[in-house]
Amino acid sequence: MDRRFHYLNANRGASLIEVLVASLLLSIGLVSFALAQSTSVTRSADSISRFQAQLLAGEWVALVRAHADQAVPPGRYASWQDQVEQVLTEGQGEVLAGPQGTQRVQVQWQPRHRQQPVIFEQIFLP
């Protein structure tokens, strides 16, 4: 009877090593989840900035095509550049003349988590 009682006590509960291993595995899982969440938020912010740059470039293309028979009003170009600066972090917008009558719209911005700026470029015929 005494042996049986001793055997039950010996197998009752978890050992300290088992608890430490379980804690280690749980902490690795939580850190991995936090890292995945952080990466997801960063990529989501990149996607939003890229989409905004595409919209801004498309807005300029539409404006140029709407004024196909005349020049775009000079104040409208400055207004578009101001809009790029307001919408994107350290945003800059530029329109350059290209070969064979094409125009190149460049929208550049600086993401918070990158050291190099990102440039979106669209080439079109007016």
C-alpha atoms as a PDB file:
ATOM      1  CA  MET A   1       0.000   0.000   0.000  1.00  0.00           C
ATOM      2  CA  ASP A   2       2.800   2.359   0.824  1.00  0.00           C
ATOM      3  CA  ARG A   3       4.505   1.596  -2.493  1.00  0.00           C
ATOM      4  CA  ARG A   4       1.373   2.342  -4.461  1.00  0.00           C
ATOM      5  CA  PHE A   5       0.977   5.694  -2.737  1.00  0.00           C
ATOM      6  CA  HIS A   6       4.605   6.551  -3.480  1.00  0.00           C
ATOM      7  CA  TYR A   7       4.142   5.620  -7.162  1.00  0.00           C
ATOM      8  CA  LEU A   8       1.104   7.917  -7.510  1.00  0.00           C
ATOM      9  CA  ASN A   9       2.932  10.826  -5.912  1.00  0.00           C
ATOM     10  CA  ALA A  10       5.933  10.377  -8.198  1.00  0.00           C
ATOM     11  CA  ASN A  11       3.814  10.641 -11.373  1.00  0.00           C
ATOM     12  CA  ARG A  12       1.604  13.491 -10.243  1.00  0.00           C
ATOM     13  CA  GLY A  13       2.109  16.928 -11.940  1.00  0.00           C
ATOM     14  CA  ALA A  14       4.730  18.101 -14.410  1.00  0.00           C
ATOM     15  CA  SER A  15       8.426  18.338 -13.808  1.00  0.00           C
ATOM     16  CA  LEU A  16      10.244  21.636 -13.903  1.00  0.00           C
ATOM     17  CA  ILE A  17      11.965  20.734 -17.180  1.00  0.00           C
ATOM     18  CA  GLU A  18       8.626  19.992 -18.852  1.00  0.00           C
ATOM     19  CA  VAL A  19       7.269  23.355 -17.725  1.00  0.00           C
ATOM     20  CA  LEU A  20      10.384  25.159 -18.984  1.00  0.00           C
ATOM     21  CA  VAL A  21      10.218  23.430 -22.383  1.00  0.00           C
ATOM     22  CA  ALA A  22       6.519  24.248 -22.707  1.00  0.00           C
ATOM     23  CA  SER A  23       7.196  27.881 -21.753  1.00  0.00           C
ATOM     24  CA  LEU A  24      10.021  28.081 -24.280  1.00  0.00           C
ATOM     25  CA  LEU A  25       7.837  26.701 -27.071  1.00  0.00           C
ATOM     26  CA  LEU A  26       5.012  29.069 -26.155  1.00  0.00           C
ATOM     27  CA  SER A  27       7.335  32.086 -26.126  1.00  0.00           C
ATOM     28  CA  ILE A  28       8.830  31.129 -29.511  1.00  0.00           C
ATOM     29  CA  GLY A  29       5.310  30.861 -30.905  1.00  0.00           C
ATOM     30  CA  LEU A  30       4.306  34.254 -29.505  1.00  0.00           C
ATOM     31  CA  VAL A  31       7.446  35.952 -30.832  1.00  0.00           C
ATOM     32  CA  SER A  32       6.868  34.395 -34.261  1.00  0.00           C
ATOM     33  CA  PHE A  33       3.271  35.613 -34.243  1.00  0.00           C
ATOM     34  CA  ALA A  34       4.346  39.143 -33.278  1.00  0.00           C
ATOM     35  CA  LEU A  35       6.976  39.166 -36.041  1.00  0.00           C
ATOM     36  CA  ALA A  36       4.444  37.971 -38.615  1.00  0.00           C
ATOM     37  CA  GLN A  37       1.987  40.646 -37.491  1.00  0.00           C
ATOM     38  CA  SER A  38       4.657  43.351 -37.737  1.00  0.00           C
ATOM     39  CA  THR A  39       5.637  42.222 -41.238  1.00  0.00           C
ATOM     40  CA  SER A  40       1.990  42.210 -42.268  1.00  0.00           C
ATOM     41  CA  VAL A  41       1.460  45.777 -41.051  1.00  0.00           C
ATOM     42  CA  THR A  42       4.618  46.958 -42.830  1.00  0.00           C
ATOM     43  CA  ARG A  43       3.609  45.355 -46.123  1.00  0.00           C
ATOM     44  CA  SER A  44       0.114  46.754 -45.791  1.00  0.00           C
ATOM     45  CA  ALA A  45       1.538  50.263 -45.377  1.00  0.00           C
ATOM     46  CA  ASP A  46       3.757  49.711 -48.448  1.00  0.00           C
ATOM     47  CA  SER A  47       0.765  48.578 -50.444  1.00  0.00           C
ATOM     48  CA  ILE A  48      -1.274  51.628 -49.453  1.00  0.00           C
ATOM     49  CA  SER A  49       1.564  54.011 -50.373  1.00  0.00           C
ATOM     50  CA  ARG A  50       2.076  52.308 -53.732  1.00  0.00           C
ATOM     51  CA  PHE A  51      -1.661  52.496 -54.455  1.00  0.00           C
ATOM     52  CA  GLN A  52      -1.730  56.200 -53.564  1.00  0.00           C
ATOM     53  CA  ALA A  53       1.240  56.833 -55.868  1.00  0.00           C
ATOM     54  CA  GLN A  54      -0.549  55.045 -58.713  1.00  0.00           C
ATOM     55  CA  LEU A  55      -3.670  57.123 -58.124  1.00  0.00           C
ATOM     56  CA  LEU A  56      -1.702  60.364 -58.115  1.00  0.00           C
ATOM     57  CA  ALA A  57       0.144  59.464 -61.314  1.00  0.00           C
ATOM     58  CA  GLY A  58      -3.130  58.403 -62.919  1.00  0.00           C
ATOM     59  CA  GLU A  59      -4.696  61.693 -61.907  1.00  0.00           C
ATOM     60  CA  TRP A  60      -1.971  63.592 -63.757  1.00  0.00           C
ATOM     61  CA  VAL A  61      -2.318  61.374 -66.838  1.00  0.00           C
ATOM     62  CA  ALA A  62      -6.086  61.978 -66.884  1.00  0.00           C
ATOM     63  CA  LEU A  63      -5.558  65.720 -66.509  1.00  0.00           C
ATOM     64  CA  VAL A  64      -3.094  65.855 -69.417  1.00  0.00           C
ATOM     65  CA  ARG A  65      -5.404  63.820 -71.628  1.00  0.00           C
ATOM     66  CA  ALA A  66      -8.357  66.034 -70.701  1.00  0.00           C
ATOM     67  CA  HIS A  67      -6.343  69.046 -71.903  1.00  0.00           C
ATOM     68  CA  ALA A  68      -5.089  67.322 -75.068  1.00  0.00           C
ATOM     69  CA  ASP A  69      -5.711  70.334 -77.285  1.00  0.00           C
ATOM     70  CA  GLN A  70      -4.136  72.828 -74.886  1.00  0.00           C
ATOM     71  CA  ALA A  71      -1.490  73.006 -72.188  1.00  0.00           C
ATOM     72  CA  VAL A  72      -2.320  72.083 -68.614  1.00  0.00           C
ATOM     73  CA  PRO A  73      -2.731  75.254 -66.534  1.00  0.00           C
ATOM     74  CA  PRO A  74       0.573  76.006 -64.745  1.00  0.00           C
ATOM     75  CA  GLY A  75      -1.087  76.311 -61.352  1.00  0.00           C
ATOM     76  CA  ARG A  76      -2.512  72.819 -61.728  1.00  0.00           C
ATOM     77  CA  TYR A  77       0.964  71.261 -61.906  1.00  0.00           C
ATOM     78  CA  ALA A  78       2.001  72.992 -58.664  1.00  0.00           C
ATOM     79  CA  SER A  79      -1.270  71.905 -57.061  1.00  0.00           C
ATOM     80  CA  TRP A  80      -0.641  68.297 -58.110  1.00  0.00           C
ATOM     81  CA  GLN A  81       2.888  68.413 -56.649  1.00  0.00           C
ATOM     82  CA  ASP A  82       1.496  69.772 -53.369  1.00  0.00           C
ATOM     83  CA  GLN A  83      -1.000  66.931 -53.287  1.00  0.00           C
ATOM     84  CA  VAL A  84       1.805  64.374 -53.758  1.00  0.00           C
ATOM     85  CA  GLU A  85       3.741  65.960 -50.875  1.00  0.00           C
ATOM     86  CA  GLN A  86       0.695  65.852 -48.594  1.00  0.00           C
ATOM     87  CA  VAL A  87      -0.445  62.316 -49.371  1.00  0.00           C
ATOM     88  CA  LEU A  88       2.907  60.493 -49.323  1.00  0.00           C
ATOM     89  CA  THR A  89       5.677  60.624 -46.730  1.00  0.00           C
ATOM     90  CA  GLU A  90       8.366  62.914 -48.167  1.00  0.00           C
ATOM     91  CA  GLY A  91       6.518  62.663 -51.477  1.00  0.00           C
ATOM     92  CA  GLN A  92       7.724  64.320 -54.665  1.00  0.00           C
ATOM     93  CA  GLY A  93       6.014  64.396 -58.026  1.00  0.00           C
ATOM     94  CA  GLU A  94       7.641  65.205 -61.339  1.00  0.00           C
ATOM     95  CA  VAL A  95       6.582  65.122 -64.979  1.00  0.00           C
ATOM     96  CA  LEU A  96       9.288  64.866 -67.641  1.00  0.00           C
ATOM     97  CA  ALA A  97       9.123  64.956 -71.422  1.00  0.00           C
ATOM     98  CA  GLY A  98      10.236  61.723 -73.023  1.00  0.00           C
ATOM     99  CA  PRO A  99      11.174  60.620 -76.527  1.00  0.00           C
ATOM    100  CA  GLN A 100       8.636  60.686 -79.365  1.00  0.00           C
ATOM    101  CA  GLY A 101       6.140  62.860 -77.528  1.00  0.00           C
ATOM    102  CA  THR A 102       5.808  60.652 -74.462  1.00  0.00           C
ATOM    103  CA  GLN A 103       5.641  61.961 -70.930  1.00  0.00           C
ATOM    104  CA  ARG A 104       7.018  60.315 -67.819  1.00  0.00           C
ATOM    105  CA  VAL A 105       5.300  60.804 -64.474  1.00  0.00           C
ATOM    106  CA  GLN A 106       7.447  59.992 -61.443  1.00  0.00           C
ATOM    107  CA  VAL A 107       6.105  59.826 -57.919  1.00  0.00           C
ATOM    108  CA  GLN A 108       8.733  59.296 -55.227  1.00  0.00           C
ATOM    109  CA  TRP A 109       8.285  58.798 -51.487  1.00  0.00           C
ATOM    110  CA  GLN A 110      10.255  57.637 -48.465  1.00  0.00           C
ATOM    111  CA  PRO A 111       8.736  54.752 -46.487  1.00  0.00           C
ATOM    112  CA  ARG A 112       9.436  54.928 -42.760  1.00  0.00           C
ATOM    113  CA  HIS A 113      11.016  51.475 -42.572  1.00  0.00           C
ATOM    114  CA  ARG A 114      13.322  51.760 -45.603  1.00  0.00           C
ATOM    115  CA  GLN A 115      16.515  53.671 -46.169  1.00  0.00           C
ATOM    116  CA  GLN A 116      16.044  54.120 -49.916  1.00  0.00           C
ATOM    117  CA  PRO A 117      13.122  56.022 -51.442  1.00  0.00           C
ATOM    118  CA  VAL A 118      10.587  54.239 -53.636  1.00  0.00           C
ATOM    119  CA  ILE A 119       9.851  55.552 -57.140  1.00  0.00           C
ATOM    120  CA  PHE A 120       6.701  54.824 -59.108  1.00  0.00           C
ATOM    121  CA  GLU A 121       6.997  55.725 -62.781  1.00  0.00           C
ATOM    122  CA  GLN A 122       4.407  55.814 -65.531  1.00  0.00           C
ATOM    123  CA  ILE A 123       5.152  56.593 -69.190  1.00  0.00           C
ATOM    124  CA  PHE A 124       2.275  57.608 -71.427  1.00  0.00           C
ATOM    125  CA  LEU A 125       1.305  59.329 -74.655  1.00  0.00           C
ATOM    126  CA  PRO A 126      -0.875  62.403 -74.120  1.00  0.00           C
END
